[in-house]
Full PDB file with SEQRES, HELIX, SHEET, SSBOND, CRYST1, ORIGX, SCALE, CONECT and MASTER records, all heavy atoms in Angstrom:
SEQRES   1 A   40  TYR GLY LEU ASN ASN TYR THR VAL ARG GLY SER ALA ALA          
SEQRES   2 A   40  PRO ALA THR GLU TYR MET LYS ARG ASP ARG TYR ASP GLU          
SEQRES   3 A   40  ILE GLN ARG ILE PRO ARG PRO SER ALA THR VAL HIS PHE          
SEQRES   4 A   40  LEU                                                          
HELIX    1 AA1 ASN A    5  THR A    7  5                                   3    
HELIX    2 AA2 THR A   16  TYR A   18  5                                   3    
HELIX    3 AA3 ILE A   27  ARG A   29  5                                   3    
HELIX    4 AA4 PRO A   33  ALA A   35  5                                   3    
CRYST1    1.000    1.000    1.000  90.00  90.00  90.00 P 1           1          
ORIGX1      1.000000  0.000000  0.000000        0.00000                         
ORIGX2      0.000000  1.000000  0.000000        0.00000                         
ORIGX3      0.000000  0.000000  1.000000        0.00000                         
SCALE1      1.000000  0.000000  0.000000        0.00000                         
SCALE2      0.000000  1.000000  0.000000        0.00000                         
SCALE3      0.000000  0.000000  1.000000        0.00000                         
ATOM      1  N   TYR A   1     -57.550-141.511 -75.637  1.00  0.00           N  
ATOM      2  CA  TYR A   1     -57.369-140.793 -76.932  1.00  0.00           C  
ATOM      3  C   TYR A   1     -58.250-139.659 -77.013  1.00  0.00           C  
ATOM      4  O   TYR A   1     -59.389-139.579 -76.394  1.00  0.00           O  
ATOM      5  CB  TYR A   1     -57.546-141.812 -78.097  1.00  0.00           C  
ATOM      6  CG  TYR A   1     -56.660-142.993 -77.903  1.00  0.00           C  
ATOM      7  CD1 TYR A   1     -57.169-144.280 -77.558  1.00  0.00           C  
ATOM      8  CD2 TYR A   1     -55.300-142.929 -78.071  1.00  0.00           C  
ATOM      9  CE1 TYR A   1     -56.417-145.362 -77.374  1.00  0.00           C  
ATOM     10  CE2 TYR A   1     -54.433-144.078 -77.892  1.00  0.00           C  
ATOM     11  CZ  TYR A   1     -55.070-145.258 -77.570  1.00  0.00           C  
ATOM     12  OH  TYR A   1     -54.240-146.370 -77.445  1.00  0.00           O  
ATOM     13  N   GLY A   2     -57.951-138.702 -77.916  1.00  0.00           N  
ATOM     14  CA  GLY A   2     -58.806-137.534 -78.056  1.00  0.00           C  
ATOM     15  C   GLY A   2     -58.682-137.070 -79.530  1.00  0.00           C  
ATOM     16  O   GLY A   2     -57.942-137.590 -80.339  1.00  0.00           O  
ATOM     17  N   LEU A   3     -59.490-136.084 -79.850  1.00  0.00           N  
ATOM     18  CA  LEU A   3     -59.549-135.511 -81.226  1.00  0.00           C  
ATOM     19  C   LEU A   3     -58.816-134.167 -81.253  1.00  0.00           C  
ATOM     20  O   LEU A   3     -58.815-133.354 -80.320  1.00  0.00           O  
ATOM     21  CB  LEU A   3     -60.963-135.365 -81.671  1.00  0.00           C  
ATOM     22  CG  LEU A   3     -61.836-136.512 -81.962  1.00  0.00           C  
ATOM     23  CD1 LEU A   3     -63.231-136.172 -82.220  1.00  0.00           C  
ATOM     24  CD2 LEU A   3     -61.191-137.377 -83.079  1.00  0.00           C  
ATOM     25  N   ASN A   4     -58.127-133.961 -82.418  1.00  0.00           N  
ATOM     26  CA  ASN A   4     -57.738-132.616 -82.775  1.00  0.00           C  
ATOM     27  C   ASN A   4     -58.955-131.800 -83.023  1.00  0.00           C  
ATOM     28  O   ASN A   4     -59.758-132.100 -83.875  1.00  0.00           O  
ATOM     29  CB  ASN A   4     -56.876-132.781 -84.124  1.00  0.00           C  
ATOM     30  CG  ASN A   4     -56.723-131.401 -84.759  1.00  0.00           C  
ATOM     31  OD1 ASN A   4     -56.694-130.390 -84.153  1.00  0.00           O  
ATOM     32  ND2 ASN A   4     -56.361-131.532 -86.081  1.00  0.00           N  
ATOM     33  N   ASN A   5     -59.141-130.743 -82.258  1.00  0.00           N  
ATOM     34  CA  ASN A   5     -60.395-129.984 -82.283  1.00  0.00           C  
ATOM     35  C   ASN A   5     -60.613-129.201 -83.526  1.00  0.00           C  
ATOM     36  O   ASN A   5     -61.698-128.713 -83.769  1.00  0.00           O  
ATOM     37  CB  ASN A   5     -60.536-129.036 -81.072  1.00  0.00           C  
ATOM     38  CG  ASN A   5     -59.590-127.971 -81.117  1.00  0.00           C  
ATOM     39  OD1 ASN A   5     -58.372-128.059 -81.359  1.00  0.00           O  
ATOM     40  ND2 ASN A   5     -60.117-126.739 -80.832  1.00  0.00           N  
ATOM     41  N   TYR A   6     -59.579-129.145 -84.417  1.00  0.00           N  
ATOM     42  CA  TYR A   6     -59.803-128.538 -85.722  1.00  0.00           C  
ATOM     43  C   TYR A   6     -60.729-129.418 -86.565  1.00  0.00           C  
ATOM     44  O   TYR A   6     -61.350-128.925 -87.490  1.00  0.00           O  
ATOM     45  CB  TYR A   6     -58.514-128.311 -86.463  1.00  0.00           C  
ATOM     46  CG  TYR A   6     -57.746-127.033 -86.143  1.00  0.00           C  
ATOM     47  CD1 TYR A   6     -56.824-126.956 -85.212  1.00  0.00           C  
ATOM     48  CD2 TYR A   6     -58.101-125.790 -86.814  1.00  0.00           C  
ATOM     49  CE1 TYR A   6     -56.031-125.881 -85.044  1.00  0.00           C  
ATOM     50  CE2 TYR A   6     -57.413-124.671 -86.515  1.00  0.00           C  
ATOM     51  CZ  TYR A   6     -56.370-124.674 -85.648  1.00  0.00           C  
ATOM     52  OH  TYR A   6     -55.694-123.527 -85.368  1.00  0.00           O  
ATOM     53  N   THR A   7     -60.770-130.731 -86.233  1.00  0.00           N  
ATOM     54  CA  THR A   7     -61.474-131.719 -87.085  1.00  0.00           C  
ATOM     55  C   THR A   7     -62.689-132.253 -86.368  1.00  0.00           C  
ATOM     56  O   THR A   7     -62.923-133.523 -86.405  1.00  0.00           O  
ATOM     57  CB  THR A   7     -60.457-132.754 -87.474  1.00  0.00           C  
ATOM     58  OG1 THR A   7     -60.045-133.457 -86.254  1.00  0.00           O  
ATOM     59  CG2 THR A   7     -59.393-132.229 -88.230  1.00  0.00           C  
ATOM     60  N   VAL A   8     -63.458-131.391 -85.616  1.00  0.00           N  
ATOM     61  CA  VAL A   8     -64.652-131.996 -84.980  1.00  0.00           C  
ATOM     62  C   VAL A   8     -65.902-131.169 -85.353  1.00  0.00           C  
ATOM     63  O   VAL A   8     -65.821-129.998 -85.863  1.00  0.00           O  
ATOM     64  CB  VAL A   8     -64.504-131.899 -83.457  1.00  0.00           C  
ATOM     65  CG1 VAL A   8     -63.305-132.727 -82.946  1.00  0.00           C  
ATOM     66  CG2 VAL A   8     -64.363-130.488 -82.931  1.00  0.00           C  
ATOM     67  N   ARG A   9     -67.055-131.697 -85.120  1.00  0.00           N  
ATOM     68  CA  ARG A   9     -68.324-130.940 -85.284  1.00  0.00           C  
ATOM     69  C   ARG A   9     -68.688-130.374 -83.887  1.00  0.00           C  
ATOM     70  O   ARG A   9     -68.388-131.009 -82.841  1.00  0.00           O  
ATOM     71  CB  ARG A   9     -69.384-131.919 -85.733  1.00  0.00           C  
ATOM     72  CG  ARG A   9     -69.101-132.494 -87.075  1.00  0.00           C  
ATOM     73  CD  ARG A   9     -70.353-133.307 -87.601  1.00  0.00           C  
ATOM     74  NE  ARG A   9     -71.360-132.385 -87.945  1.00  0.00           N  
ATOM     75  CZ  ARG A   9     -71.542-131.721 -89.112  1.00  0.00           C  
ATOM     76  NH1 ARG A   9     -70.468-131.824 -90.001  1.00  0.00           N  
ATOM     77  NH2 ARG A   9     -72.451-130.954 -89.407  1.00  0.00           N  
ATOM     78  N   GLY A  10     -69.278-129.272 -83.888  1.00  0.00           N  
ATOM     79  CA  GLY A  10     -69.832-128.702 -82.593  1.00  0.00           C  
ATOM     80  C   GLY A  10     -68.952-127.574 -81.993  1.00  0.00           C  
ATOM     81  O   GLY A  10     -67.920-127.189 -82.670  1.00  0.00           O  
ATOM     82  N   SER A  11     -69.200-127.318 -80.768  1.00  0.00           N  
ATOM     83  CA  SER A  11     -68.665-126.198 -80.097  1.00  0.00           C  
ATOM     84  C   SER A  11     -67.197-126.360 -79.753  1.00  0.00           C  
ATOM     85  O   SER A  11     -66.438-125.351 -79.410  1.00  0.00           O  
ATOM     86  CB  SER A  11     -69.367-125.834 -78.799  1.00  0.00           C  
ATOM     87  OG  SER A  11     -69.298-126.940 -77.957  1.00  0.00           O  
ATOM     88  N   ALA A  12     -66.620-127.603 -79.857  1.00  0.00           N  
ATOM     89  CA  ALA A  12     -65.203-127.788 -79.519  1.00  0.00           C  
ATOM     90  C   ALA A  12     -64.308-127.298 -80.586  1.00  0.00           C  
ATOM     91  O   ALA A  12     -63.068-127.162 -80.356  1.00  0.00           O  
ATOM     92  CB  ALA A  12     -64.930-129.260 -79.237  1.00  0.00           C  
ATOM     93  N   ALA A  13     -64.775-126.939 -81.767  1.00  0.00           N  
ATOM     94  CA  ALA A  13     -63.895-126.513 -82.824  1.00  0.00           C  
ATOM     95  C   ALA A  13     -63.417-125.132 -82.537  1.00  0.00           C  
ATOM     96  O   ALA A  13     -64.002-124.423 -81.669  1.00  0.00           O  
ATOM     97  CB  ALA A  13     -64.784-126.413 -84.158  1.00  0.00           C  
ATOM     98  N   PRO A  14     -62.333-124.707 -83.106  1.00  0.00           N  
ATOM     99  CA  PRO A  14     -61.731-123.438 -82.772  1.00  0.00           C  
ATOM    100  C   PRO A  14     -62.674-122.235 -83.062  1.00  0.00           C  
ATOM    101  O   PRO A  14     -63.531-122.348 -83.954  1.00  0.00           O  
ATOM    102  CB  PRO A  14     -60.467-123.375 -83.712  1.00  0.00           C  
ATOM    103  CG  PRO A  14     -60.173-124.812 -84.023  1.00  0.00           C  
ATOM    104  CD  PRO A  14     -61.425-125.475 -83.964  1.00  0.00           C  
ATOM    105  N   ALA A  15     -62.490-121.246 -82.282  1.00  0.00           N  
ATOM    106  CA  ALA A  15     -63.296-120.048 -82.528  1.00  0.00           C  
ATOM    107  C   ALA A  15     -62.996-119.411 -83.823  1.00  0.00           C  
ATOM    108  O   ALA A  15     -61.944-119.651 -84.428  1.00  0.00           O  
ATOM    109  CB  ALA A  15     -63.085-119.010 -81.398  1.00  0.00           C  
ATOM    110  N   THR A  16     -63.832-118.608 -84.384  1.00  0.00           N  
ATOM    111  CA  THR A  16     -63.777-117.955 -85.653  1.00  0.00           C  
ATOM    112  C   THR A  16     -62.511-117.291 -85.913  1.00  0.00           C  
ATOM    113  O   THR A  16     -61.831-117.458 -87.027  1.00  0.00           O  
ATOM    114  CB  THR A  16     -64.940-117.072 -86.061  1.00  0.00           C  
ATOM    115  OG1 THR A  16     -66.196-117.761 -85.759  1.00  0.00           O  
ATOM    116  CG2 THR A  16     -64.908-116.642 -87.472  1.00  0.00           C  
ATOM    117  N   GLU A  17     -61.939-116.636 -84.943  1.00  0.00           N  
ATOM    118  CA  GLU A  17     -60.713-115.835 -85.171  1.00  0.00           C  
ATOM    119  C   GLU A  17     -59.521-116.687 -85.420  1.00  0.00           C  
ATOM    120  O   GLU A  17     -58.430-116.224 -85.909  1.00  0.00           O  
ATOM    121  CB  GLU A  17     -60.474-114.887 -83.943  1.00  0.00           C  
ATOM    122  CG  GLU A  17     -60.248-115.584 -82.670  1.00  0.00           C  
ATOM    123  CD  GLU A  17     -61.544-115.628 -81.841  1.00  0.00           C  
ATOM    124  OE1 GLU A  17     -62.609-115.659 -82.443  1.00  0.00           O  
ATOM    125  OE2 GLU A  17     -61.440-115.696 -80.615  1.00  0.00           O  
ATOM    126  N   TYR A  18     -59.617-117.970 -85.071  1.00  0.00           N  
ATOM    127  CA  TYR A  18     -58.479-118.876 -85.344  1.00  0.00           C  
ATOM    128  C   TYR A  18     -58.524-119.513 -86.717  1.00  0.00           C  
ATOM    129  O   TYR A  18     -57.529-120.083 -87.140  1.00  0.00           O  
ATOM    130  CB  TYR A  18     -58.406-119.928 -84.205  1.00  0.00           C  
ATOM    131  CG  TYR A  18     -57.967-119.443 -82.858  1.00  0.00           C  
ATOM    132  CD1 TYR A  18     -58.851-119.209 -81.887  1.00  0.00           C  
ATOM    133  CD2 TYR A  18     -56.528-119.282 -82.599  1.00  0.00           C  
ATOM    134  CE1 TYR A  18     -58.415-118.739 -80.626  1.00  0.00           C  
ATOM    135  CE2 TYR A  18     -56.150-118.736 -81.370  1.00  0.00           C  
ATOM    136  CZ  TYR A  18     -57.113-118.587 -80.362  1.00  0.00           C  
ATOM    137  OH  TYR A  18     -56.690-118.167 -79.150  1.00  0.00           O  
ATOM    138  N   MET A  19     -59.684-119.525 -87.259  1.00  0.00           N  
ATOM    139  CA  MET A  19     -59.836-120.322 -88.476  1.00  0.00           C  
ATOM    140  C   MET A  19     -59.394-119.478 -89.685  1.00  0.00           C  
ATOM    141  O   MET A  19     -59.724-118.258 -89.822  1.00  0.00           O  
ATOM    142  CB  MET A  19     -61.331-120.607 -88.711  1.00  0.00           C  
ATOM    143  CG  MET A  19     -61.956-121.414 -87.568  1.00  0.00           C  
ATOM    144  SD  MET A  19     -61.134-122.999 -87.228  1.00  0.00           S  
ATOM    145  CE  MET A  19     -61.783-123.891 -88.594  1.00  0.00           C  
ATOM    146  N   LYS A  20     -58.604-120.028 -90.568  1.00  0.00           N  
ATOM    147  CA  LYS A  20     -58.113-119.286 -91.743  1.00  0.00           C  
ATOM    148  C   LYS A  20     -59.047-119.350 -92.876  1.00  0.00           C  
ATOM    149  O   LYS A  20     -58.995-118.457 -93.731  1.00  0.00           O  
ATOM    150  CB  LYS A  20     -56.723-119.945 -92.147  1.00  0.00           C  
ATOM    151  CG  LYS A  20     -55.656-119.789 -91.021  1.00  0.00           C  
ATOM    152  CD  LYS A  20     -54.340-120.374 -91.446  1.00  0.00           C  
ATOM    153  CE  LYS A  20     -53.202-120.095 -90.501  1.00  0.00           C  
ATOM    154  NZ  LYS A  20     -53.496-120.677 -89.173  1.00  0.00           N  
ATOM    155  N   ARG A  21     -59.873-120.291 -92.930  1.00  0.00           N  
ATOM    156  CA  ARG A  21     -60.803-120.411 -94.116  1.00  0.00           C  
ATOM    157  C   ARG A  21     -62.168-120.809 -93.742  1.00  0.00           C  
ATOM    158  O   ARG A  21     -63.149-120.051 -93.975  1.00  0.00           O  
ATOM    159  CB  ARG A  21     -60.124-121.320 -95.176  1.00  0.00           C  
ATOM    160  CG  ARG A  21     -61.045-121.430 -96.470  1.00  0.00           C  
ATOM    161  CD  ARG A  21     -60.249-122.243 -97.503  1.00  0.00           C  
ATOM    162  NE  ARG A  21     -60.069-123.691 -97.038  1.00  0.00           N  
ATOM    163  CZ  ARG A  21     -60.916-124.652 -97.041  1.00  0.00           C  
ATOM    164  NH1 ARG A  21     -62.150-124.463 -97.591  1.00  0.00           N  
ATOM    165  NH2 ARG A  21     -60.575-125.842 -96.710  1.00  0.00           N  
ATOM    166  N   ASP A  22     -62.304-121.913 -93.092  1.00  0.00           N  
ATOM    167  CA  ASP A  22     -63.638-122.473 -92.893  1.00  0.00           C  
ATOM    168  C   ASP A  22     -63.574-123.495 -91.760  1.00  0.00           C  
ATOM    169  O   ASP A  22     -62.447-123.839 -91.333  1.00  0.00           O  
ATOM    170  CB  ASP A  22     -64.145-123.130 -94.224  1.00  0.00           C  
ATOM    171  CG  ASP A  22     -65.712-123.339 -94.231  1.00  0.00           C  
ATOM    172  OD1 ASP A  22     -66.302-123.019 -93.164  1.00  0.00           O  
ATOM    173  OD2 ASP A  22     -66.261-123.724 -95.276  1.00  0.00           O  
ATOM    174  N   ARG A  23     -64.684-124.034 -91.358  1.00  0.00           N  
ATOM    175  CA  ARG A  23     -64.676-125.108 -90.405  1.00  0.00           C  
ATOM    176  C   ARG A  23     -64.359-126.448 -91.155  1.00  0.00           C  
ATOM    177  O   ARG A  23     -64.861-126.642 -92.259  1.00  0.00           O  
ATOM    178  CB  ARG A  23     -65.982-125.197 -89.641  1.00  0.00           C  
ATOM    179  CG  ARG A  23     -66.150-124.016 -88.732  1.00  0.00           C  
ATOM    180  CD  ARG A  23     -67.241-124.241 -87.669  1.00  0.00           C  
ATOM    181  NE  ARG A  23     -67.381-123.101 -86.718  1.00  0.00           N  
ATOM    182  CZ  ARG A  23     -66.623-122.973 -85.698  1.00  0.00           C  
ATOM    183  NH1 ARG A  23     -65.710-123.926 -85.386  1.00  0.00           N  
ATOM    184  NH2 ARG A  23     -66.771-121.952 -84.916  1.00  0.00           N  
ATOM    185  N   TYR A  24     -63.608-127.302 -90.492  1.00  0.00           N  
ATOM    186  CA  TYR A  24     -63.182-128.482 -91.188  1.00  0.00           C  
ATOM    187  C   TYR A  24     -63.827-129.694 -90.606  1.00  0.00           C  
ATOM    188  O   TYR A  24     -63.187-130.643 -89.998  1.00  0.00           O  
ATOM    189  CB  TYR A  24     -61.662-128.609 -91.056  1.00  0.00           C  
ATOM    190  CG  TYR A  24     -60.900-127.450 -91.611  1.00  0.00           C  
ATOM    191  CD1 TYR A  24     -60.470-126.459 -90.783  1.00  0.00           C  
ATOM    192  CD2 TYR A  24     -60.704-127.271 -92.980  1.00  0.00           C  
ATOM    193  CE1 TYR A  24     -59.808-125.316 -91.245  1.00  0.00           C  
ATOM    194  CE2 TYR A  24     -60.007-126.132 -93.492  1.00  0.00           C  
ATOM    195  CZ  TYR A  24     -59.541-125.191 -92.563  1.00  0.00           C  
ATOM    196  OH  TYR A  24     -58.940-124.043 -93.097  1.00  0.00           O  
ATOM    197  N   ASP A  25     -65.194-129.773 -90.709  1.00  0.00           N  
ATOM    198  CA  ASP A  25     -65.903-130.794 -89.971  1.00  0.00           C  
ATOM    199  C   ASP A  25     -66.398-131.909 -90.994  1.00  0.00           C  
ATOM    200  O   ASP A  25     -67.324-132.777 -90.611  1.00  0.00           O  
ATOM    201  CB  ASP A  25     -67.018-130.256 -89.207  1.00  0.00           C  
ATOM    202  CG  ASP A  25     -68.007-129.333 -90.000  1.00  0.00           C  
ATOM    203  OD1 ASP A  25     -67.748-129.214 -91.226  1.00  0.00           O  
ATOM    204  OD2 ASP A  25     -68.912-128.805 -89.402  1.00  0.00           O  
ATOM    205  N   GLU A  26     -65.911-131.858 -92.218  1.00  0.00           N  
ATOM    206  CA  GLU A  26     -66.226-132.858 -93.288  1.00  0.00           C  
ATOM    207  C   GLU A  26     -65.037-133.156 -94.029  1.00  0.00           C  
ATOM    208  O   GLU A  26     -64.135-132.326 -94.196  1.00  0.00           O  
ATOM    209  CB  GLU A  26     -67.402-132.381 -94.242  1.00  0.00           C  
ATOM    210  CG  GLU A  26     -68.627-131.969 -93.512  1.00  0.00           C  
ATOM    211  CD  GLU A  26     -69.672-131.402 -94.487  1.00  0.00           C  
ATOM    212  OE1 GLU A  26     -69.360-131.380 -95.671  1.00  0.00           O  
ATOM    213  OE2 GLU A  26     -70.809-131.038 -94.115  1.00  0.00           O  
ATOM    214  N   ILE A  27     -64.891-134.390 -94.381  1.00  0.00           N  
ATOM    215  CA  ILE A  27     -63.715-134.883 -95.125  1.00  0.00           C  
ATOM    216  C   ILE A  27     -63.579-134.104 -96.465  1.00  0.00           C  
ATOM    217  O   ILE A  27     -62.432-133.802 -96.829  1.00  0.00           O  
ATOM    218  CB  ILE A  27     -63.744-136.385 -95.398  1.00  0.00           C  
ATOM    219  CG1 ILE A  27     -62.388-136.844 -95.843  1.00  0.00           C  
ATOM    220  CG2 ILE A  27     -64.881-136.796 -96.331  1.00  0.00           C  
ATOM    221  CD1 ILE A  27     -61.302-136.789 -94.862  1.00  0.00           C  
ATOM    222  N   GLN A  28     -64.642-133.660 -97.062  1.00  0.00           N  
ATOM    223  CA  GLN A  28     -64.546-132.908 -98.293  1.00  0.00           C  
ATOM    224  C   GLN A  28     -63.846-131.543 -98.145  1.00  0.00           C  
ATOM    225  O   GLN A  28     -63.391-130.984 -99.099  1.00  0.00           O  
ATOM    226  CB  GLN A  28     -65.960-132.724 -98.908  1.00  0.00           C  
ATOM    227  CG  GLN A  28     -66.684-133.977 -99.299  1.00  0.00           C  
ATOM    228  CD  GLN A  28     -67.428-134.593 -98.143  1.00  0.00           C  
ATOM    229  OE1 GLN A  28     -67.229-134.296 -96.977  1.00  0.00           O  
ATOM    230  NE2 GLN A  28     -68.357-135.491 -98.477  1.00  0.00           N  
ATOM    231  N   ARG A  29     -63.819-131.047 -96.870  1.00  0.00           N  
ATOM    232  CA  ARG A  29     -63.282-129.691 -96.656  1.00  0.00           C  
ATOM    233  C   ARG A  29     -61.801-129.797 -96.239  1.00  0.00           C  
ATOM    234  O   ARG A  29     -61.147-128.736 -96.054  1.00  0.00           O  
ATOM    235  CB  ARG A  29     -63.978-129.043 -95.484  1.00  0.00           C  
ATOM    236  CG  ARG A  29     -65.479-128.760 -95.883  1.00  0.00           C  
ATOM    237  CD  ARG A  29     -66.190-128.095 -94.793  1.00  0.00           C  
ATOM    238  NE  ARG A  29     -67.570-127.656 -95.124  1.00  0.00           N  
ATOM    239  CZ  ARG A  29     -68.358-127.002 -94.315  1.00  0.00           C  
ATOM    240  NH1 ARG A  29     -67.979-126.662 -93.153  1.00  0.00           N  
ATOM    241  NH2 ARG A  29     -69.580-126.768 -94.742  1.00  0.00           N  
ATOM    242  N   ILE A  30     -61.202-130.990 -96.158  1.00  0.00           N  
ATOM    243  CA  ILE A  30     -59.834-131.103 -95.741  1.00  0.00           C  
ATOM    244  C   ILE A  30     -58.861-131.084 -96.960  1.00  0.00           C  
ATOM    245  O   ILE A  30     -58.955-132.083 -97.797  1.00  0.00           O  
ATOM    246  CB  ILE A  30     -59.635-132.411 -94.914  1.00  0.00           C  
ATOM    247  CG1 ILE A  30     -60.589-132.521 -93.751  1.00  0.00           C  
ATOM    248  CG2 ILE A  30     -58.160-132.542 -94.516  1.00  0.00           C  
ATOM    249  CD1 ILE A  30     -60.387-131.403 -92.683  1.00  0.00           C  
ATOM    250  N   PRO A  31     -57.992-130.168 -97.037  1.00  0.00           N  
ATOM    251  CA  PRO A  31     -57.113-130.064 -98.259  1.00  0.00           C  
ATOM    252  C   PRO A  31     -56.120-131.279 -98.353  1.00  0.00           C  
ATOM    253  O   PRO A  31     -55.919-131.838 -99.398  1.00  0.00           O  
ATOM    254  CB  PRO A  31     -56.291-128.725 -98.026  1.00  0.00           C  
ATOM    255  CG  PRO A  31     -57.141-127.973 -97.085  1.00  0.00           C  
ATOM    256  CD  PRO A  31     -57.873-129.051 -96.208  1.00  0.00           C  
ATOM    257  N   ARG A  32     -55.575-131.690 -97.174  1.00  0.00           N  
ATOM    258  CA  ARG A  32     -54.599-132.775 -97.197  1.00  0.00           C  
ATOM    259  C   ARG A  32     -54.875-133.774 -96.050  1.00  0.00           C  
ATOM    260  O   ARG A  32     -54.237-133.660 -95.000  1.00  0.00           O  
ATOM    261  CB  ARG A  32     -53.202-132.198 -97.141  1.00  0.00           C  
ATOM    262  CG  ARG A  32     -52.741-131.461 -98.352  1.00  0.00           C  
ATOM    263  CD  ARG A  32     -51.487-130.619 -98.075  1.00  0.00           C  
ATOM    264  NE  ARG A  32     -51.769-129.543 -97.127  1.00  0.00           N  
ATOM    265  CZ  ARG A  32     -52.311-128.398 -97.546  1.00  0.00           C  
ATOM    266  NH1 ARG A  32     -52.685-128.167 -98.791  1.00  0.00           N  
ATOM    267  NH2 ARG A  32     -52.540-127.412 -96.695  1.00  0.00           N  
ATOM    268  N   PRO A  33     -55.863-134.646 -96.280  1.00  0.00           N  
ATOM    269  CA  PRO A  33     -56.166-135.654 -95.138  1.00  0.00           C  
ATOM    270  C   PRO A  33     -54.952-136.431 -94.671  1.00  0.00           C  
ATOM    271  O   PRO A  33     -54.768-136.675 -93.495  1.00  0.00           O  
ATOM    272  CB  PRO A  33     -57.143-136.558 -95.824  1.00  0.00           C  
ATOM    273  CG  PRO A  33     -57.745-135.724 -96.873  1.00  0.00           C  
ATOM    274  CD  PRO A  33     -56.602-134.911 -97.435  1.00  0.00           C  
ATOM    275  N   SER A  34     -53.963-136.814 -95.547  1.00  0.00           N  
ATOM    276  CA  SER A  34     -52.882-137.587 -95.209  1.00  0.00           C  
ATOM    277  C   SER A  34     -51.888-136.841 -94.240  1.00  0.00           C  
ATOM    278  O   SER A  34     -51.062-137.455 -93.492  1.00  0.00           O  
ATOM    279  CB  SER A  34     -52.115-138.077 -96.324  1.00  0.00           C  
ATOM    280  OG  SER A  34     -51.535-137.047 -97.087  1.00  0.00           O  
ATOM    281  N   ALA A  35     -51.960-135.466 -94.259  1.00  0.00           N  
ATOM    282  CA  ALA A  35     -51.039-134.645 -93.440  1.00  0.00           C  
ATOM    283  C   ALA A  35     -51.725-134.129 -92.181  1.00  0.00           C  
ATOM    284  O   ALA A  35     -51.069-133.525 -91.350  1.00  0.00           O  
ATOM    285  CB  ALA A  35     -50.601-133.526 -94.236  1.00  0.00           C  
ATOM    286  N   THR A  36     -53.078-134.346 -92.074  1.00  0.00           N  
ATOM    287  CA  THR A  36     -53.838-133.751 -90.998  1.00  0.00           C  
ATOM    288  C   THR A  36     -54.019-134.729 -89.789  1.00  0.00           C  
ATOM    289  O   THR A  36     -54.622-135.772 -89.900  1.00  0.00           O  
ATOM    290  CB  THR A  36     -55.122-133.270 -91.419  1.00  0.00           C  
ATOM    291  OG1 THR A  36     -54.924-132.361 -92.599  1.00  0.00           O  
ATOM    292  CG2 THR A  36     -55.899-132.523 -90.366  1.00  0.00           C  
ATOM    293  N   VAL A  37     -53.533-134.355 -88.604  1.00  0.00           N  
ATOM    294  CA  VAL A  37     -53.739-135.083 -87.389  1.00  0.00           C  
ATOM    295  C   VAL A  37     -55.230-135.168 -87.027  1.00  0.00           C  
ATOM    296  O   VAL A  37     -55.943-134.175 -87.147  1.00  0.00           O  
ATOM    297  CB  VAL A  37     -52.972-134.519 -86.203  1.00  0.00           C  
ATOM    298  CG1 VAL A  37     -53.365-135.183 -84.863  1.00  0.00           C  
ATOM    299  CG2 VAL A  37     -51.498-134.719 -86.423  1.00  0.00           C  
ATOM    300  N   HIS A  38     -55.653-136.300 -86.638  1.00  0.00           N  
ATOM    301  CA  HIS A  38     -57.121-136.561 -86.209  1.00  0.00           C  
ATOM    302  C   HIS A  38     -57.112-136.942 -84.790  1.00  0.00           C  
ATOM    303  O   HIS A  38     -57.493-136.225 -83.896  1.00  0.00           O  
ATOM    304  CB  HIS A  38     -57.712-137.510 -87.219  1.00  0.00           C  
ATOM    305  CG  HIS A  38     -59.198-137.637 -86.985  1.00  0.00           C  
ATOM    306  ND1 HIS A  38     -59.832-138.828 -86.974  1.00  0.00           N  
ATOM    307  CD2 HIS A  38     -60.202-136.678 -86.595  1.00  0.00           C  
ATOM    308  CE1 HIS A  38     -61.146-138.683 -86.785  1.00  0.00           C  
ATOM    309  NE2 HIS A  38     -61.354-137.322 -86.564  1.00  0.00           N  
ATOM    310  N   PHE A  39     -56.831-138.210 -84.495  1.00  0.00           N  
ATOM    311  CA  PHE A  39     -56.778-138.799 -83.165  1.00  0.00           C  
ATOM    312  C   PHE A  39     -55.323-138.535 -82.599  1.00  0.00           C  
ATOM    313  O   PHE A  39     -54.245-138.576 -83.325  1.00  0.00           O  
ATOM    314  CB  PHE A  39     -57.058-140.252 -83.110  1.00  0.00           C  
ATOM    315  CG  PHE A  39     -58.484-140.528 -83.079  1.00  0.00           C  
ATOM    316  CD1 PHE A  39     -59.179-141.004 -84.292  1.00  0.00           C  
ATOM    317  CD2 PHE A  39     -59.251-140.366 -81.998  1.00  0.00           C  
ATOM    318  CE1 PHE A  39     -60.588-141.207 -84.311  1.00  0.00           C  
ATOM    319  CE2 PHE A  39     -60.591-140.662 -81.925  1.00  0.00           C  
ATOM    320  CZ  PHE A  39     -61.258-141.062 -83.108  1.00  0.00           C  
ATOM    321  N   LEU A  40     -55.319-138.370 -81.196  1.00  0.00           N  
ATOM    322  CA  LEU A  40     -53.989-138.047 -80.544  1.00  0.00           C  
ATOM    323  C   LEU A  40     -54.211-138.682 -79.148  1.00  0.00           C  
ATOM    324  O   LEU A  40     -55.259-139.347 -78.826  1.00  0.00           O  
ATOM    325  CB  LEU A  40     -53.676-136.605 -80.461  1.00  0.00           C  
ATOM    326  CG  LEU A  40     -54.884-135.684 -80.160  1.00  0.00           C  
ATOM    327  CD1 LEU A  40     -55.104-135.590 -78.654  1.00  0.00           C  
ATOM    328  CD2 LEU A  40     -54.611-134.306 -80.775  1.00  0.00           C  
TER     329      LEU A  40                                                      
MASTER        0    0    0    4    0    0    0    6  328    1    0    4          
END                                                                             
């Protein structure tokens, strides 16, 4: 299993140009947790 890298802490997160708003490394920053893939 692995993580969706949009939802990780550290350098594995997408580069800035891919981010539409902010880094999503805390549950408080996730607009729709029930719709967001985490493990795969």
